[in-house]
Every structure is written in structure tokens, then in C-alpha cells.
Amino acid sequence: MSTEETSRFVRLRVELVLEIGDAEAVTKAALQRIAGESEMPDDERAHAEGAVTEDTAEALAYLVDPFDLVNAVPGVELAQASWSSEAIDYDPDSPDWDLDEDDVDEDDEEDGVG
């Protein structure tokens, strides 16, 4: 691809920390979404149901769709997406969780981003 062709593509990195106040509700919503997947093969459905039942982070990942984040943005088409979710230890008062200038990649600073 030429530089002109590749410059149409932008990588958007988003990191979210969510507090799960009702794990049961998240799991239930994920199970309902799975139940609504009429095209899903039975073995895949059983695997998905097991995963979301055993791990709230998996249930959340099943419910979050990157397409929904950009669907309403004019002139943008989602070309590729991947995402994951995991349970973490989070302390909002810890400096490790500050999103500041130290979190900017050096490459981004050279490009004037950040």
C-alpha cells in the first residue's frame, strides 16, 4: 500500500476501567444476548454461555462491541477490531492509574500527538 492509501487508516486506542456494581445483571445480559444469536452453532453457544457465567469480565467483553463506538461517526467505517477484558486490582488514588504525560508513547510525542 502506498502512504496515501494507508493514511486513511487510524488506530484508536481506548482503555476503560469499569466498576461492576451488579455482576449478576452483567452475566444475565450476556446470556440474553447469546440466546438471541440465532445463527450461533450449539457448541459455540455452550462455550460462550460457560465463559460468561464463570467470568464477569468475559460477560462484559461479550456485551461491548467496538462497532457501537464508531457506528454513528460520519465518514468512518470500522475496518478491524479486537478487544478483551480482564478483572484487575484498581486503586483510583494510586499514581499508577493517572493518565498523564508519562503515559504518552515516545513515538506519539515525536509526531506531535499527546
N, C-alpha and C. Protein backbone atom coordinates (compact mmCIF):
# COMPACT_ATOMS: atom_id res chain seq x y z
N MET A 1 0.83 -1.18 0.00
CA MET A 1 0.00 0.00 0.00
C MET A 1 0.87 1.24 0.00
N SER A 2 0.44 2.22 -0.69
CA SER A 2 1.16 3.49 -0.70
C SER A 2 0.85 4.25 0.58
N THR A 3 1.65 5.27 0.86
CA THR A 3 1.42 6.10 2.05
C THR A 3 0.05 6.75 1.98
N GLU A 4 -0.36 7.15 0.78
CA GLU A 4 -1.67 7.78 0.61
C GLU A 4 -2.79 6.81 0.99
N GLU A 5 -2.65 5.53 0.60
CA GLU A 5 -3.68 4.55 0.93
C GLU A 5 -3.71 4.24 2.42
N THR A 6 -2.54 4.09 3.03
CA THR A 6 -2.51 3.72 4.45
C THR A 6 -2.88 4.88 5.35
N SER A 7 -2.73 6.13 4.89
CA SER A 7 -3.06 7.26 5.75
C SER A 7 -4.56 7.37 6.01
N ARG A 8 -5.35 6.62 5.28
CA ARG A 8 -6.79 6.62 5.53
C ARG A 8 -7.14 5.85 6.80
N PHE A 9 -6.22 5.03 7.29
CA PHE A 9 -6.48 4.19 8.44
C PHE A 9 -5.91 4.81 9.70
N VAL A 10 -6.69 4.76 10.77
CA VAL A 10 -6.28 5.32 12.06
C VAL A 10 -6.50 4.26 13.13
N ARG A 11 -5.50 4.06 13.97
CA ARG A 11 -5.66 3.16 15.12
C ARG A 11 -6.10 4.00 16.31
N LEU A 12 -7.25 3.70 16.85
CA LEU A 12 -7.78 4.39 18.02
C LEU A 12 -7.65 3.44 19.21
N ARG A 13 -6.89 3.85 20.19
CA ARG A 13 -6.70 3.01 21.37
C ARG A 13 -7.52 3.60 22.51
N VAL A 14 -8.33 2.78 23.12
CA VAL A 14 -9.16 3.21 24.23
C VAL A 14 -8.98 2.22 25.36
N GLU A 15 -8.75 2.71 26.54
CA GLU A 15 -8.67 1.85 27.71
C GLU A 15 -9.71 2.33 28.70
N LEU A 16 -10.56 1.45 29.13
CA LEU A 16 -11.61 1.78 30.07
C LEU A 16 -11.43 0.94 31.33
N VAL A 17 -11.69 1.52 32.46
CA VAL A 17 -11.78 0.78 33.71
C VAL A 17 -13.21 0.95 34.19
N LEU A 18 -13.92 -0.14 34.27
CA LEU A 18 -15.32 -0.11 34.67
C LEU A 18 -15.49 -0.77 36.03
N GLU A 19 -16.35 -0.21 36.82
CA GLU A 19 -16.70 -0.82 38.10
C GLU A 19 -17.98 -1.61 37.91
N ILE A 20 -17.93 -2.88 38.21
CA ILE A 20 -19.10 -3.75 38.09
C ILE A 20 -19.85 -3.71 39.41
N GLY A 21 -21.00 -3.06 39.41
CA GLY A 21 -21.81 -2.95 40.61
C GLY A 21 -22.78 -4.11 40.77
N ASP A 22 -23.10 -4.78 39.67
CA ASP A 22 -24.05 -5.88 39.70
C ASP A 22 -23.61 -6.94 38.69
N ALA A 23 -22.72 -7.81 39.14
CA ALA A 23 -22.16 -8.85 38.26
C ALA A 23 -23.25 -9.76 37.71
N GLU A 24 -24.25 -10.03 38.52
CA GLU A 24 -25.35 -10.89 38.08
C GLU A 24 -26.10 -10.27 36.90
N ALA A 25 -26.32 -8.98 36.94
CA ALA A 25 -27.01 -8.29 35.84
C ALA A 25 -26.19 -8.33 34.55
N VAL A 26 -24.87 -8.17 34.69
CA VAL A 26 -24.00 -8.24 33.52
C VAL A 26 -24.04 -9.63 32.91
N THR A 27 -23.94 -10.65 33.75
CA THR A 27 -23.98 -12.03 33.27
C THR A 27 -25.32 -12.33 32.62
N LYS A 28 -26.41 -11.89 33.24
CA LYS A 28 -27.74 -12.13 32.69
C LYS A 28 -27.89 -11.47 31.31
N ALA A 29 -27.41 -10.25 31.17
CA ALA A 29 -27.49 -9.54 29.88
C ALA A 29 -26.67 -10.27 28.82
N ALA A 30 -25.50 -10.76 29.19
CA ALA A 30 -24.67 -11.51 28.23
C ALA A 30 -25.37 -12.81 27.81
N LEU A 31 -25.96 -13.50 28.77
CA LEU A 31 -26.69 -14.74 28.44
C LEU A 31 -27.88 -14.45 27.53
N GLN A 32 -28.56 -13.33 27.75
CA GLN A 32 -29.68 -12.95 26.88
C GLN A 32 -29.19 -12.65 25.47
N ARG A 33 -28.06 -11.98 25.36
CA ARG A 33 -27.51 -11.69 24.03
C ARG A 33 -27.14 -12.99 23.32
N ILE A 34 -26.53 -13.92 24.03
CA ILE A 34 -26.17 -15.21 23.45
C ILE A 34 -27.42 -15.95 22.99
N ALA A 35 -28.46 -15.94 23.82
CA ALA A 35 -29.72 -16.60 23.47
C ALA A 35 -30.33 -16.01 22.21
N GLY A 36 -30.10 -14.73 21.97
CA GLY A 36 -30.64 -14.07 20.79
C GLY A 36 -29.85 -14.29 19.51
N GLU A 37 -28.71 -14.93 19.62
CA GLU A 37 -27.87 -15.22 18.46
C GLU A 37 -28.38 -16.47 17.75
N SER A 38 -29.31 -16.28 16.82
CA SER A 38 -29.95 -17.42 16.16
C SER A 38 -29.01 -18.20 15.25
N GLU A 39 -27.97 -17.57 14.75
CA GLU A 39 -27.04 -18.23 13.83
C GLU A 39 -25.91 -18.97 14.54
N MET A 40 -25.82 -18.85 15.87
CA MET A 40 -24.71 -19.43 16.61
C MET A 40 -24.86 -20.95 16.72
N PRO A 41 -23.83 -21.71 16.33
CA PRO A 41 -23.88 -23.17 16.48
C PRO A 41 -23.97 -23.57 17.96
N ASP A 42 -24.59 -24.71 18.22
CA ASP A 42 -24.83 -25.15 19.60
C ASP A 42 -23.55 -25.28 20.42
N ASP A 43 -22.47 -25.82 19.83
CA ASP A 43 -21.23 -25.99 20.59
C ASP A 43 -20.60 -24.64 20.94
N GLU A 44 -20.69 -23.69 20.03
CA GLU A 44 -20.18 -22.34 20.30
C GLU A 44 -21.04 -21.65 21.36
N ARG A 45 -22.36 -21.87 21.30
CA ARG A 45 -23.28 -21.29 22.28
C ARG A 45 -22.96 -21.83 23.68
N ALA A 46 -22.75 -23.13 23.79
CA ALA A 46 -22.43 -23.73 25.09
C ALA A 46 -21.13 -23.17 25.64
N HIS A 47 -20.13 -23.00 24.77
CA HIS A 47 -18.84 -22.44 25.21
C HIS A 47 -19.02 -20.99 25.68
N ALA A 48 -19.75 -20.18 24.91
CA ALA A 48 -19.98 -18.78 25.27
C ALA A 48 -20.75 -18.67 26.57
N GLU A 49 -21.79 -19.48 26.74
CA GLU A 49 -22.57 -19.45 27.98
C GLU A 49 -21.70 -19.81 29.19
N GLY A 50 -20.86 -20.81 29.03
CA GLY A 50 -19.97 -21.19 30.12
C GLY A 50 -18.98 -20.09 30.47
N ALA A 51 -18.42 -19.46 29.45
CA ALA A 51 -17.43 -18.40 29.67
C ALA A 51 -18.04 -17.21 30.38
N VAL A 52 -19.21 -16.76 29.95
CA VAL A 52 -19.80 -15.57 30.56
C VAL A 52 -20.37 -15.86 31.95
N THR A 53 -20.74 -17.10 32.20
CA THR A 53 -21.25 -17.49 33.52
C THR A 53 -20.12 -17.57 34.54
N GLU A 54 -18.95 -18.03 34.10
CA GLU A 54 -17.82 -18.20 35.01
C GLU A 54 -17.03 -16.92 35.26
N ASP A 55 -17.10 -15.95 34.36
CA ASP A 55 -16.23 -14.78 34.44
C ASP A 55 -16.99 -13.53 34.01
N THR A 56 -17.21 -12.61 34.95
CA THR A 56 -17.93 -11.38 34.65
C THR A 56 -17.20 -10.55 33.60
N ALA A 57 -15.88 -10.59 33.61
CA ALA A 57 -15.11 -9.86 32.60
C ALA A 57 -15.42 -10.40 31.20
N GLU A 58 -15.57 -11.70 31.07
CA GLU A 58 -15.95 -12.30 29.79
C GLU A 58 -17.35 -11.86 29.38
N ALA A 59 -18.25 -11.82 30.35
CA ALA A 59 -19.62 -11.37 30.07
C ALA A 59 -19.61 -9.94 29.56
N LEU A 60 -18.82 -9.09 30.19
CA LEU A 60 -18.72 -7.70 29.76
C LEU A 60 -18.13 -7.61 28.35
N ALA A 61 -17.10 -8.37 28.09
CA ALA A 61 -16.49 -8.36 26.76
C ALA A 61 -17.48 -8.84 25.70
N TYR A 62 -18.37 -9.72 26.08
CA TYR A 62 -19.38 -10.20 25.14
C TYR A 62 -20.41 -9.11 24.83
N LEU A 63 -20.63 -8.22 25.79
CA LEU A 63 -21.64 -7.17 25.62
C LEU A 63 -21.11 -5.91 24.94
N VAL A 64 -19.82 -5.67 25.03
CA VAL A 64 -19.23 -4.46 24.45
C VAL A 64 -18.83 -4.75 23.01
N ASP A 65 -19.28 -3.89 22.11
CA ASP A 65 -19.00 -4.06 20.69
C ASP A 65 -18.34 -2.80 20.15
N PRO A 66 -17.10 -2.89 19.68
CA PRO A 66 -16.42 -1.69 19.16
C PRO A 66 -17.19 -1.02 18.02
N PHE A 67 -17.94 -1.78 17.25
CA PHE A 67 -18.75 -1.19 16.19
C PHE A 67 -19.70 -0.14 16.75
N ASP A 68 -20.26 -0.41 17.92
CA ASP A 68 -21.18 0.54 18.55
C ASP A 68 -20.50 1.86 18.89
N LEU A 69 -19.19 1.84 19.13
CA LEU A 69 -18.47 3.06 19.48
C LEU A 69 -18.32 4.01 18.29
N VAL A 70 -18.25 3.47 17.08
CA VAL A 70 -18.00 4.32 15.90
C VAL A 70 -19.14 4.30 14.90
N ASN A 71 -20.17 3.56 15.17
CA ASN A 71 -21.29 3.39 14.24
C ASN A 71 -21.89 4.73 13.81
N ALA A 72 -22.01 5.67 14.71
CA ALA A 72 -22.67 6.94 14.40
C ALA A 72 -21.69 8.03 13.93
N VAL A 73 -20.41 7.70 13.82
CA VAL A 73 -19.43 8.70 13.39
C VAL A 73 -19.48 8.80 11.87
N PRO A 74 -19.79 9.98 11.34
CA PRO A 74 -19.90 10.11 9.88
C PRO A 74 -18.55 9.96 9.20
N GLY A 75 -18.55 9.28 8.06
CA GLY A 75 -17.34 9.13 7.26
C GLY A 75 -16.37 8.10 7.76
N VAL A 76 -16.78 7.27 8.72
CA VAL A 76 -15.89 6.27 9.31
C VAL A 76 -16.50 4.89 9.14
N GLU A 77 -15.66 3.95 8.75
CA GLU A 77 -16.08 2.55 8.65
C GLU A 77 -15.09 1.71 9.45
N LEU A 78 -15.59 0.87 10.34
CA LEU A 78 -14.73 0.02 11.15
C LEU A 78 -14.08 -1.02 10.24
N ALA A 79 -12.76 -1.02 10.16
CA ALA A 79 -12.03 -1.95 9.30
C ALA A 79 -11.62 -3.20 10.06
N GLN A 80 -11.27 -3.07 11.33
CA GLN A 80 -10.82 -4.21 12.12
C GLN A 80 -10.95 -3.83 13.59
N ALA A 81 -11.25 -4.80 14.42
CA ALA A 81 -11.34 -4.51 15.86
C ALA A 81 -10.99 -5.76 16.65
N SER A 82 -10.39 -5.55 17.78
CA SER A 82 -10.18 -6.62 18.74
C SER A 82 -10.29 -5.99 20.12
N TRP A 83 -10.72 -6.76 21.06
CA TRP A 83 -10.84 -6.24 22.42
C TRP A 83 -10.84 -7.41 23.37
N SER A 84 -10.51 -7.10 24.60
CA SER A 84 -10.50 -8.12 25.64
C SER A 84 -10.87 -7.44 26.94
N SER A 85 -11.10 -8.24 27.93
CA SER A 85 -11.46 -7.70 29.21
C SER A 85 -10.90 -8.62 30.28
N GLU A 86 -10.52 -8.05 31.41
CA GLU A 86 -9.95 -8.84 32.50
C GLU A 86 -10.24 -8.16 33.82
N ALA A 87 -10.37 -8.93 34.84
CA ALA A 87 -10.53 -8.38 36.18
C ALA A 87 -9.17 -7.84 36.63
N ILE A 88 -9.18 -6.67 37.26
CA ILE A 88 -7.93 -6.04 37.70
C ILE A 88 -8.07 -5.54 39.13
N ASP A 89 -6.93 -5.29 39.75
CA ASP A 89 -6.90 -4.58 41.03
C ASP A 89 -6.81 -3.11 40.68
N TYR A 90 -7.74 -2.32 41.15
CA TYR A 90 -7.79 -0.91 40.79
C TYR A 90 -7.86 -0.05 42.03
N ASP A 91 -6.99 0.92 42.10
CA ASP A 91 -6.99 1.90 43.18
C ASP A 91 -7.00 3.28 42.53
N PRO A 92 -8.14 3.96 42.52
CA PRO A 92 -8.21 5.26 41.84
C PRO A 92 -7.27 6.30 42.43
N ASP A 93 -6.79 6.09 43.66
CA ASP A 93 -5.88 7.03 44.29
C ASP A 93 -4.41 6.74 43.98
N SER A 94 -4.15 5.61 43.35
CA SER A 94 -2.78 5.24 43.04
C SER A 94 -2.26 6.03 41.84
N PRO A 95 -1.02 6.52 41.92
CA PRO A 95 -0.45 7.24 40.77
C PRO A 95 -0.27 6.34 39.55
N ASP A 96 -0.29 5.03 39.75
CA ASP A 96 -0.18 4.11 38.62
C ASP A 96 -1.34 4.24 37.66
N TRP A 97 -2.46 4.79 38.11
CA TRP A 97 -3.65 4.90 37.28
C TRP A 97 -3.87 6.30 36.72
N ASP A 98 -2.94 7.22 36.96
CA ASP A 98 -3.05 8.56 36.39
C ASP A 98 -2.79 8.50 34.90
N LEU A 99 -3.68 9.10 34.14
CA LEU A 99 -3.47 9.23 32.70
C LEU A 99 -2.88 10.61 32.48
N ASP A 100 -1.55 10.65 32.39
CA ASP A 100 -0.90 11.94 32.22
C ASP A 100 0.16 11.85 31.13
N GLU A 101 1.01 12.85 31.06
CA GLU A 101 2.00 12.92 30.01
C GLU A 101 2.95 11.74 30.01
N ASP A 102 3.18 11.11 31.14
CA ASP A 102 4.08 9.96 31.20
C ASP A 102 3.53 8.75 30.45
N ASP A 103 2.21 8.74 30.20
CA ASP A 103 1.58 7.62 29.52
C ASP A 103 1.65 7.73 28.00
N VAL A 104 2.12 8.85 27.48
CA VAL A 104 2.18 9.06 26.04
C VAL A 104 3.41 8.34 25.50
N ASP A 105 3.23 7.57 24.41
CA ASP A 105 4.34 6.89 23.77
C ASP A 105 5.32 7.90 23.22
N GLU A 106 6.61 7.58 23.26
CA GLU A 106 7.62 8.48 22.71
C GLU A 106 7.40 8.73 21.24
N ASP A 107 6.95 7.70 20.50
CA ASP A 107 6.68 7.87 19.06
C ASP A 107 5.59 8.91 18.85
N ASP A 108 4.57 8.92 19.72
CA ASP A 108 3.50 9.88 19.60
C ASP A 108 4.01 11.29 19.84
N GLU A 109 4.92 11.45 20.82
CA GLU A 109 5.46 12.78 21.10
C GLU A 109 6.22 13.32 19.92
N GLU A 110 6.96 12.44 19.21
CA GLU A 110 7.71 12.87 18.05
C GLU A 110 6.79 13.32 16.93
N ASP A 111 5.59 12.70 16.86
CA ASP A 111 4.62 13.06 15.82
C ASP A 111 3.76 14.25 16.21
N GLY A 112 3.96 14.76 17.43
CA GLY A 112 3.17 15.89 17.89
C GLY A 112 1.82 15.48 18.45
N VAL A 113 1.66 14.18 18.78
CA VAL A 113 0.41 13.68 19.36
C VAL A 113 0.60 13.59 20.85
N GLY A 114 -0.46 13.89 21.62
CA GLY A 114 -0.39 13.70 23.06
C GLY A 114 -0.41 14.96 23.73
